[in-house]
PDB file of N, CA and C in Angstrom:
ATOM      1  N   MET A   1      72.912 129.982  71.042  1.00  0.00           N
ATOM      2  CA  MET A   1      72.520 129.137  69.817  1.00  0.00           C
ATOM      3  C   MET A   1      73.308 130.126  68.554  1.00  0.00           C
ATOM      4  N   THR A   2      73.276 128.529  67.525  1.00  0.00           N
ATOM      5  CA  THR A   2      73.868 129.141  66.561  1.00  0.00           C
ATOM      6  C   THR A   2      72.568 128.536  65.261  1.00  0.00           C
ATOM      7  N   ASP A   3      73.021 130.354  64.588  1.00  0.00           N
ATOM      8  CA  ASP A   3      71.620 130.492  63.644  1.00  0.00           C
ATOM      9  C   ASP A   3      72.338 131.270  62.716  1.00  0.00           C
ATOM     10  N   PHE A   4      71.821 131.295  61.128  1.00  0.00           N
ATOM     11  CA  PHE A   4      72.528 132.211  59.979  1.00  0.00           C
ATOM     12  C   PHE A   4      72.451 134.278  60.669  1.00  0.00           C
ATOM     13  N   THR A   5      73.262 134.046  60.393  1.00  0.00           N
ATOM     14  CA  THR A   5      73.278 135.897  60.486  1.00  0.00           C
ATOM     15  C   THR A   5      73.587 136.901  60.502  1.00  0.00           C
ATOM     16  N   LEU A   6      72.941 138.057  60.818  1.00  0.00           N
ATOM     17  CA  LEU A   6      72.277 139.310  59.586  1.00  0.00           C
ATOM     18  C   LEU A   6      73.251 140.361  59.622  1.00  0.00           C
ATOM     19  N   ASP A   7      73.943 140.484  58.698  1.00  0.00           N
ATOM     20  CA  ASP A   7      74.239 141.677  58.747  1.00  0.00           C
ATOM     21  C   ASP A   7      73.358 143.072  59.516  1.00  0.00           C
ATOM     22  N   ASP A   8      74.559 144.820  59.310  1.00  0.00           N
ATOM     23  CA  ASP A   8      73.731 146.144  60.073  1.00  0.00           C
ATOM     24  C   ASP A   8      72.487 146.372  58.736  1.00  0.00           C
ATOM     25  N   SER A   9      72.421 146.065  57.443  1.00  0.00           N
ATOM     26  CA  SER A   9      71.424 146.385  57.078  1.00  0.00           C
ATOM     27  C   SER A   9      69.944 144.915  57.728  1.00  0.00           C
ATOM     28  N   GLY A  10      70.302 144.263  57.865  1.00  0.00           N
ATOM     29  CA  GLY A  10      69.806 142.386  58.615  1.00  0.00           C
ATOM     30  C   GLY A  10      69.714 141.820  57.305  1.00  0.00           C
ATOM     31  N   ASP A  11      70.096 142.062  56.419  1.00  0.00           N
ATOM     32  CA  ASP A  11      69.829 141.196  55.620  1.00  0.00           C
ATOM     33  C   ASP A  11      70.283 140.065  55.767  1.00  0.00           C
ATOM     34  N   LEU A  12      70.437 138.909  55.230  1.00  0.00           N
ATOM     35  CA  LEU A  12      71.160 137.175  55.536  1.00  0.00           C
ATOM     36  C   LEU A  12      72.724 137.649  55.524  1.00  0.00           C
ATOM     37  N   LYS A  13      73.342 137.924  56.065  1.00  0.00           N
ATOM     38  CA  LYS A  13      74.965 137.775  55.326  1.00  0.00           C
ATOM     39  C   LYS A  13      75.502 136.241  54.924  1.00  0.00           C
ATOM     40  N   ILE A  14      76.417 137.273  53.831  1.00  0.00           N
ATOM     41  CA  ILE A  14      76.839 136.030  53.042  1.00  0.00           C
ATOM     42  C   ILE A  14      78.335 136.564  53.086  1.00  0.00           C
ATOM     43  N   LEU A  15      78.501 135.699  53.009  1.00  0.00           N
ATOM     44  CA  LEU A  15      80.427 136.093  52.922  1.00  0.00           C
ATOM     45  C   LEU A  15      81.401 134.802  52.072  1.00  0.00           C
ATOM     46  N   GLY A  16      81.458 135.246  50.875  1.00  0.00           N
ATOM     47  CA  GLY A  16      82.116 134.536  49.500  1.00  0.00           C
ATOM     48  C   GLY A  16      80.155 134.094  49.465  1.00  0.00           C
ATOM     49  N   ASN A  17      79.905 132.924  48.480  1.00  0.00           N
ATOM     50  CA  ASN A  17      78.701 132.348  48.047  1.00  0.00           C
ATOM     51  C   ASN A  17      77.811 131.408  49.295  1.00  0.00           C
ATOM     52  N   ASN A  18      78.256 131.393  51.008  1.00  0.00           N
ATOM     53  CA  ASN A  18      77.407 130.677  51.602  1.00  0.00           C
ATOM     54  C   ASN A  18      77.560 132.114  52.357  1.00  0.00           C
ATOM     55  N   LEU A  19      76.068 131.500  53.290  1.00  0.00           N
ATOM     56  CA  LEU A  19      75.297 132.121  54.459  1.00  0.00           C
ATOM     57  C   LEU A  19      76.836 131.328  55.562  1.00  0.00           C
ATOM     58  N   VAL A  20      76.183 132.563  56.680  1.00  0.00           N
ATOM     59  CA  VAL A  20      76.422 132.551  57.490  1.00  0.00           C
ATOM     60  C   VAL A  20      76.187 131.560  58.868  1.00  0.00           C
ATOM     61  N   ALA A  21      76.757 131.246  59.898  1.00  0.00           N
ATOM     62  CA  ALA A  21      76.029 130.796  60.386  1.00  0.00           C
ATOM     63  C   ALA A  21      77.207 131.174  61.824  1.00  0.00           C
ATOM     64  N   ALA A  22      76.937 131.608  62.602  1.00  0.00           N
ATOM     65  CA  ALA A  22      77.358 131.787  63.468  1.00  0.00           C
ATOM     66  C   ALA A  22      76.080 131.850  65.384  1.00  0.00           C
ATOM     67  N   ASP A  23      76.546 131.990  66.403  1.00  0.00           N
ATOM     68  CA  ASP A  23      76.248 132.461  68.207  1.00  0.00           C
ATOM     69  C   ASP A  23      74.897 133.662  67.667  1.00  0.00           C
ATOM     70  N   SER A  24      73.935 133.420  68.065  1.00  0.00           N
ATOM     71  CA  SER A  24      73.125 134.447  67.262  1.00  0.00           C
ATOM     72  C   SER A  24      72.365 135.078  68.753  1.00  0.00           C
ATOM     73  N   THR A  25      72.660 134.410  69.991  1.00  0.00           N
ATOM     74  CA  THR A  25      71.569 135.160  71.351  1.00  0.00           C
ATOM     75  C   THR A  25      71.442 136.963  71.475  1.00  0.00           C
ATOM     76  N   LEU A  26      72.205 137.314  70.563  1.00  0.00           N
ATOM     77  CA  LEU A  26      72.396 139.417  70.583  1.00  0.00           C
ATOM     78  C   LEU A  26      71.778 139.644  69.470  1.00  0.00           C
ATOM     79  N   GLN A  27      71.609 138.575  68.760  1.00  0.00           N
ATOM     80  CA  GLN A  27      70.459 139.213  67.158  1.00  0.00           C
ATOM     81  C   GLN A  27      68.617 137.866  67.363  1.00  0.00           C
ATOM     82  N   HIS A  28      69.159 137.217  68.568  1.00  0.00           N
ATOM     83  CA  HIS A  28      68.003 136.755  69.137  1.00  0.00           C
ATOM     84  C   HIS A  28      66.494 138.181  69.753  1.00  0.00           C
ATOM     85  N   GLN A  29      67.559 138.116  70.867  1.00  0.00           N
ATOM     86  CA  GLN A  29      67.154 139.634  72.395  1.00  0.00           C
ATOM     87  C   GLN A  29      66.403 140.439  70.971  1.00  0.00           C
ATOM     88  N   ALA A  30      67.185 140.951  70.455  1.00  0.00           N
ATOM     89  CA  ALA A  30      67.453 141.933  70.002  1.00  0.00           C
ATOM     90  C   ALA A  30      65.735 142.168  68.912  1.00  0.00           C
ATOM     91  N   ASP A  31      65.591 141.088  67.969  1.00  0.00           N
ATOM     92  CA  ASP A  31      64.767 140.656  67.900  1.00  0.00           C
ATOM     93  C   ASP A  31      63.359 140.668  68.611  1.00  0.00           C
ATOM     94  N   ILE A  32      63.262 139.832  69.260  1.00  0.00           N
ATOM     95  CA  ILE A  32      62.126 139.906  70.517  1.00  0.00           C
ATOM     96  C   ILE A  32      61.295 141.474  71.555  1.00  0.00           C
ATOM     97  N   ILE A  33      62.668 142.003  71.309  1.00  0.00           N
ATOM     98  CA  ILE A  33      62.461 143.523  71.674  1.00  0.00           C
ATOM     99  C   ILE A  33      62.265 144.350  71.135  1.00  0.00           C
ATOM    100  N   TRP A  34      62.135 144.259  69.773  1.00  0.00           N
ATOM    101  CA  TRP A  34      62.166 144.945  69.515  1.00  0.00           C
ATOM    102  C   TRP A  34      60.595 144.596  67.745  1.00  0.00           C
ATOM    103  N   SER A  35      59.805 143.611  68.011  1.00  0.00           N
ATOM    104  CA  SER A  35      58.954 143.183  67.363  1.00  0.00           C
ATOM    105  C   SER A  35      57.524 143.358  68.504  1.00  0.00           C
ATOM    106  N   GLU A  36      57.055 143.234  67.685  1.00  0.00           N
ATOM    107  CA  GLU A  36      55.631 143.193  68.536  1.00  0.00           C
ATOM    108  C   GLU A  36      54.966 142.197  68.878  1.00  0.00           C
ATOM    109  N   LYS A  37      54.000 141.611  68.515  1.00  0.00           N
ATOM    110  CA  LYS A  37      53.224 140.426  68.911  1.00  0.00           C
ATOM    111  C   LYS A  37      52.972 140.316  67.701  1.00  0.00           C
ATOM    112  N   SER A  38      52.847 139.219  67.096  1.00  0.00           N
ATOM    113  CA  SER A  38      51.885 138.971  66.819  1.00  0.00           C
ATOM    114  C   SER A  38      53.076 138.727  64.806  1.00  0.00           C
ATOM    115  N   TRP A  39      53.737 139.207  65.284  1.00  0.00           N
ATOM    116  CA  TRP A  39      54.803 139.336  64.451  1.00  0.00           C
ATOM    117  C   TRP A  39      55.642 137.576  63.887  1.00  0.00           C
ATOM    118  N   TRP A  40      55.974 136.954  64.709  1.00  0.00           N
ATOM    119  CA  TRP A  40      56.574 135.557  64.543  1.00  0.00           C
ATOM    120  C   TRP A  40      55.157 134.455  64.494  1.00  0.00           C
ATOM    121  N   HIS A  41      54.768 134.585  62.838  1.00  0.00           N
ATOM    122  CA  HIS A  41      53.907 133.345  62.758  1.00  0.00           C
ATOM    123  C   HIS A  41      53.948 132.452  63.404  1.00  0.00           C
ATOM    124  N   PHE A  42      55.586 131.593  63.672  1.00  0.00           N
ATOM    125  CA  PHE A  42      55.551 130.656  64.552  1.00  0.00           C
ATOM    126  C   PHE A  42      55.622 130.280  66.411  1.00  0.00           C
ATOM    127  N   ALA A  43      55.139 131.646  66.768  1.00  0.00           N
ATOM    128  CA  ALA A  43      55.268 132.683  67.621  1.00  0.00           C
ATOM    129  C   ALA A  43      54.335 133.940  68.153  1.00  0.00           C
ATOM    130  N   PRO A  44      53.769 133.514  67.838  1.00  0.00           N
ATOM    131  CA  PRO A  44      51.885 134.516  67.175  1.00  0.00           C
ATOM    132  C   PRO A  44      52.107 135.918  69.385  1.00  0.00           C
ATOM    133  N   ALA A  45      52.740 135.195  70.317  1.00  0.00           N
ATOM    134  CA  ALA A  45      52.177 135.765  71.855  1.00  0.00           C
ATOM    135  C   ALA A  45      53.998 136.230  72.143  1.00  0.00           C
ATOM    136  N   LEU A  46      54.646 135.334  71.494  1.00  0.00           N
ATOM    137  CA  LEU A  46      56.481 136.661  71.132  1.00  0.00           C
ATOM    138  C   LEU A  46      56.679 138.355  70.675  1.00  0.00           C
ATOM    139  N   GLY A  47      57.076 139.147  71.795  1.00  0.00           N
ATOM    140  CA  GLY A  47      57.061 140.006  71.412  1.00  0.00           C
ATOM    141  C   GLY A  47      57.174 140.995  72.188  1.00  0.00           C
ATOM    142  N   VAL A  48      58.096 141.851  72.980  1.00  0.00           N
ATOM    143  CA  VAL A  48      57.838 143.521  73.963  1.00  0.00           C
ATOM    144  C   VAL A  48      57.027 144.389  72.701  1.00  0.00           C
ATOM    145  N   GLY A  49      58.265 144.622  71.958  1.00  0.00           N
ATOM    146  CA  GLY A  49      57.379 146.166  70.548  1.00  0.00           C
ATOM    147  C   GLY A  49      57.609 146.984  71.947  1.00  0.00           C
ATOM    148  N   LEU A  50      59.166 147.242  71.589  1.00  0.00           N
ATOM    149  CA  LEU A  50      60.049 148.671  72.734  1.00  0.00           C
ATOM    150  C   LEU A  50      59.330 149.727  72.066  1.00  0.00           C
ATOM    151  N   GLN A  51      59.020 149.634  70.362  1.00  0.00           N
ATOM    152  CA  GLN A  51      58.248 151.200  70.156  1.00  0.00           C
ATOM    153  C   GLN A  51      57.255 152.104  70.832  1.00  0.00           C
ATOM    154  N   GLN A  52      56.277 151.093  71.634  1.00  0.00           N
ATOM    155  CA  GLN A  52      55.197 151.496  71.778  1.00  0.00           C
ATOM    156  C   GLN A  52      55.426 152.143  74.001  1.00  0.00           C
ATOM    157  N   TRP A  53      57.181 151.480  74.223  1.00  0.00           N
ATOM    158  CA  TRP A  53      57.900 152.200  74.998  1.00  0.00           C
ATOM    159  C   TRP A  53      58.081 153.036  75.631  1.00  0.00           C
ATOM    160  N   LEU A  54      58.526 153.172  74.482  1.00  0.00           N
ATOM    161  CA  LEU A  54      60.008 154.398  73.567  1.00  0.00           C
ATOM    162  C   LEU A  54      59.793 155.816  74.249  1.00  0.00           C
ATOM    163  N   ASN A  55      57.883 156.072  74.022  1.00  0.00           N
ATOM    164  CA  ASN A  55      58.167 157.807  74.322  1.00  0.00           C
ATOM    165  C   ASN A  55      57.102 157.755  75.221  1.00  0.00           C
ATOM    166  N   GLU A  56      56.252 156.482  76.547  1.00  0.00           N
ATOM    167  CA  GLU A  56      56.854 156.134  78.204  1.00  0.00           C
ATOM    168  C   GLU A  56      57.452 156.729  78.797  1.00  0.00           C
ATOM    169  N   SER A  57      56.854 157.679  80.248  1.00  0.00           N
ATOM    170  CA  SER A  57      57.624 157.797  81.033  1.00  0.00           C
ATOM    171  C   SER A  57      57.619 157.076  82.372  1.00  0.00           C
ATOM    172  N   GLY A  58      58.687 156.675  83.043  1.00  0.00           N
ATOM    173  CA  GLY A  58      58.694 155.873  83.389  1.00  0.00           C
ATOM    174  C   GLY A  58      57.924 154.543  84.707  1.00  0.00           C
ATOM    175  N   THR A  59      58.454 154.318  82.915  1.00  0.00           N
ATOM    176  CA  THR A  59      58.159 152.824  82.245  1.00  0.00           C
ATOM    177  C   THR A  59      59.216 151.641  82.648  1.00  0.00           C
ATOM    178  N   SER A  60      60.192 152.007  82.758  1.00  0.00           N
ATOM    179  CA  SER A  60      61.694 151.017  83.476  1.00  0.00           C
ATOM    180  C   SER A  60      61.252 149.492  83.860  1.00  0.00           C
ATOM    181  N   PRO A  61      60.108 149.924  85.369  1.00  0.00           N
ATOM    182  CA  PRO A  61      61.411 148.729  85.634  1.00  0.00           C
ATOM    183  C   PRO A  61      59.388 147.728  84.950  1.00  0.00           C
ATOM    184  N   GLY A  62      58.540 147.945  84.246  1.00  0.00           N
ATOM    185  CA  GLY A  62      56.977 147.520  83.677  1.00  0.00           C
ATOM    186  C   GLY A  62      58.217 146.941  82.374  1.00  0.00           C
ATOM    187  N   LEU A  63      58.781 147.899  81.853  1.00  0.00           N
ATOM    188  CA  LEU A  63      60.021 147.273  80.248  1.00  0.00           C
ATOM    189  C   LEU A  63      60.883 146.184  80.805  1.00  0.00           C
ATOM    190  N   VAL A  64      61.404 146.404  81.948  1.00  0.00           N
ATOM    191  CA  VAL A  64      62.312 145.012  82.708  1.00  0.00           C
ATOM    192  C   VAL A  64      61.293 144.151  82.634  1.00  0.00           C
ATOM    193  N   ARG A  65      60.701 144.822  82.593  1.00  0.00           N
ATOM    194  CA  ARG A  65      59.363 142.932  83.656  1.00  0.00           C
ATOM    195  C   ARG A  65      59.660 141.921  82.362  1.00  0.00           C
ATOM    196  N   VAL A  66      58.233 142.840  81.241  1.00  0.00           N
ATOM    197  CA  VAL A  66      58.332 142.290  80.078  1.00  0.00           C
ATOM    198  C   VAL A  66      59.656 142.320  79.317  1.00  0.00           C
ATOM    199  N   ILE A  67      60.500 142.375  78.729  1.00  0.00           N
ATOM    200  CA  ILE A  67      61.605 141.697  78.343  1.00  0.00           C
ATOM    201  C   ILE A  67      61.693 140.274  78.743  1.00  0.00           C
ATOM    202  N   ARG A  68      62.047 140.833  79.959  1.00  0.00           N
ATOM    203  CA  ARG A  68      61.910 139.215  80.973  1.00  0.00           C
ATOM    204  C   ARG A  68      61.581 138.204  80.646  1.00  0.00           C
ATOM    205  N   GLN A  69      59.892 138.523  80.746  1.00  0.00           N
ATOM    206  CA  GLN A  69      59.180 136.892  80.145  1.00  0.00           C
ATOM    207  C   GLN A  69      58.641 136.717  78.881  1.00  0.00           C
ATOM    208  N   GLU A  70      59.128 137.781  78.207  1.00  0.00           N
ATOM    209  CA  GLU A  70      59.881 137.556  76.326  1.00  0.00           C
ATOM    210  C   GLU A  70      60.929 136.524  76.860  1.00  0.00           C
ATOM    211  N   LEU A  71      61.691 136.679  77.252  1.00  0.00           N
ATOM    212  CA  LEU A  71      62.571 136.270  76.376  1.00  0.00           C
ATOM    213  C   LEU A  71      63.184 134.958  77.149  1.00  0.00           C
ATOM    214  N   GLU A  72      62.071 134.829  78.107  1.00  0.00           N
ATOM    215  CA  GLU A  72      61.911 134.035  79.433  1.00  0.00           C
ATOM    216  C   GLU A  72      61.085 132.570  78.015  1.00  0.00           C
ATOM    217  N   ARG A  73      59.174 133.356  77.440  1.00  0.00           N
ATOM    218  CA  ARG A  73      59.447 132.752  76.848  1.00  0.00           C
ATOM    219  C   ARG A  73      59.854 131.978  75.490  1.00  0.00           C
ATOM    220  N   ASP A  74      61.282 132.389  74.971  1.00  0.00           N
ATOM    221  CA  ASP A  74      61.961 131.899  73.971  1.00  0.00           C
ATOM    222  C   ASP A  74      62.696 130.531  74.722  1.00  0.00           C
ATOM    223  N   GLY A  75      62.716 130.570  76.025  1.00  0.00           N
ATOM    224  CA  GLY A  75      63.535 129.443  75.920  1.00  0.00           C
ATOM    225  C   GLY A  75      65.004 129.948  76.292  1.00  0.00           C
ATOM    226  N   MET A  76      65.348 131.551  76.718  1.00  0.00           N
ATOM    227  CA  MET A  76      66.021 132.178  77.676  1.00  0.00           C
ATOM    228  C   MET A  76      66.524 131.323  78.267  1.00  0.00           C
ATOM    229  N   ASN A  77      67.632 131.960  79.705  1.00  0.00           N
ATOM    230  CA  ASN A  77      67.743 131.578  81.424  1.00  0.00           C
ATOM    231  C   ASN A  77      67.723 133.429  81.032  1.00  0.00           C
ATOM    232  N   VAL A  78      67.640 133.769  81.960  1.00  0.00           N
ATOM    233  CA  VAL A  78      67.793 135.269  82.031  1.00  0.00           C
ATOM    234  C   VAL A  78      67.604 135.181  83.565  1.00  0.00           C
ATOM    235  N   GLU A  79      69.353 135.481  83.673  1.00  0.00           N
ATOM    236  CA  GLU A  79      70.441 136.476  84.759  1.00  0.00           C
ATOM    237  C   GLU A  79      69.663 138.003  85.134  1.00  0.00           C
ATOM    238  N   THR A  80      69.848 138.420  84.327  1.00  0.00           N
ATOM    239  CA  THR A  80      69.556 139.640  84.819  1.00  0.00           C
ATOM    240  C   THR A  80      69.206 140.463  83.320  1.00  0.00           C
ATOM    241  N   VAL A  81      68.204 142.043  83.716  1.00  0.00           N
ATOM    242  CA  VAL A  81      67.432 142.994  82.657  1.00  0.00           C
ATOM    243  C   VAL A  81      67.806 144.172  83.149  1.00  0.00           C
ATOM    244  N   GLY A  82      68.444 145.251  82.314  1.00  0.00           N
ATOM    245  CA  GLY A  82      68.217 146.964  83.161  1.00  0.00           C
ATOM    246  C   GLY A  82      67.876 147.453  82.348  1.00  0.00           C
ATOM    247  N   ILE A  83      68.119 149.158  81.828  1.00  0.00           N
ATOM    248  CA  ILE A  83      67.389 149.581  81.320  1.00  0.00           C
ATOM    249  C   ILE A  83      68.624 151.294  81.836  1.00  0.00           C
ATOM    250  N   GLY A  84      69.278 151.999  81.614  1.00  0.00           N
ATOM    251  CA  GLY A  84      70.384 152.878  81.841  1.00  0.00           C
ATOM    252  C   GLY A  84      70.027 154.156  80.758  1.00  0.00           C
ATOM    253  N   ASP A  85      70.987 154.689  81.025  1.00  0.00           N
ATOM    254  CA  ASP A  85      71.584 155.663  80.028  1.00  0.00           C
ATOM    255  C   ASP A  85      72.358 155.235  78.990  1.00  0.00           C
ATOM    256  N   ASP A  86      73.060 154.480  79.623  1.00  0.00           N
ATOM    257  CA  ASP A  86      73.955 152.938  77.865  1.00  0.00           C
ATOM    258  C   ASP A  86      72.494 152.309  77.061  1.00  0.00           C
ATOM    259  N   GLY A  87      71.356 152.103  77.795  1.00  0.00           N
ATOM    260  CA  GLY A  87      71.185 151.157  77.059  1.00  0.00           C
ATOM    261  C   GLY A  87      70.421 150.135  77.592  1.00  0.00           C
ATOM    262  N   ILE A  88      70.053 149.025  77.059  1.00  0.00           N
ATOM    263  CA  ILE A  88      69.492 147.771  77.810  1.00  0.00           C
ATOM    264  C   ILE A  88      70.769 146.498  77.428  1.00  0.00           C
ATOM    265  N   LYS A  89      71.006 146.488  78.578  1.00  0.00           N
ATOM    266  CA  LYS A  89      71.797 144.867  79.200  1.00  0.00           C
ATOM    267  C   LYS A  89      71.547 144.394  79.881  1.00  0.00           C
ATOM    268  N   ILE A  90      71.621 143.269  79.199  1.00  0.00           N
ATOM    269  CA  ILE A  90      71.338 141.432  79.187  1.00  0.00           C
ATOM    270  C   ILE A  90      71.724 140.797  79.362  1.00  0.00           C
ATOM    271  N   ASN A  91      72.234 140.045  80.220  1.00  0.00           N
ATOM    272  CA  ASN A  91      72.292 138.579  80.385  1.00  0.00           C
ATOM    273  C   ASN A  91      71.550 137.658  80.983  1.00  0.00           C
ATOM    274  N   ALA A  92      71.188 136.922  79.055  1.00  0.00           N
ATOM    275  CA  ALA A  92      70.554 136.120  78.927  1.00  0.00           C
ATOM    276  C   ALA A  92      71.289 135.413  78.444  1.00  0.00           C
ATOM    277  N   THR A  93      70.942 133.892  78.115  1.00  0.00           N
ATOM    278  CA  THR A  93      71.164 132.476  77.185  1.00  0.00           C
ATOM    279  C   THR A  93      70.309 131.053  77.494  1.00  0.00           C
ATOM    280  N   TYR A  94      70.562 130.826  75.804  1.00  0.00           N
ATOM    281  CA  TYR A  94      69.938 129.214  75.304  1.00  0.00           C
ATOM    282  C   TYR A  94      70.575 128.447  76.268  1.00  0.00           C
ATOM    283  N   PRO A  95      69.712 127.168  76.889  1.00  0.00           N
ATOM    284  CA  PRO A  95      70.322 126.792  76.870  1.00  0.00           C
ATOM    285  C   PRO A  95      71.446 125.826  76.191  1.00  0.00           C
ATOM    286  N   GLU A  96      72.290 125.235  77.010  1.00  0.00           N
ATOM    287  CA  GLU A  96      72.978 123.828  76.241  1.00  0.00           C
ATOM    288  C   GLU A  96      72.412 122.980  75.834  1.00  0.00           C
TER     289      GLU A  96
END
């Protein structure tokens, strides 16, 4: 999905005097995973709320399930979601 992109600090990315638009699928995935329910006025039921999961032990299967559900709720086709020592790995895309 093409959308306006954000820089490393979360601000709109600007090159020259123009907003930068590019594939933003990874950005959308990160936004959905970090956001809590009701953060998005256009989709108040969307959001994983990763912060709530960080201090829990043994929650990987539940977290994987919730991530998959929320990405699908946003319209992505989710192939795989995995959690390991190197972080969360997602293979999901928006339909063409």
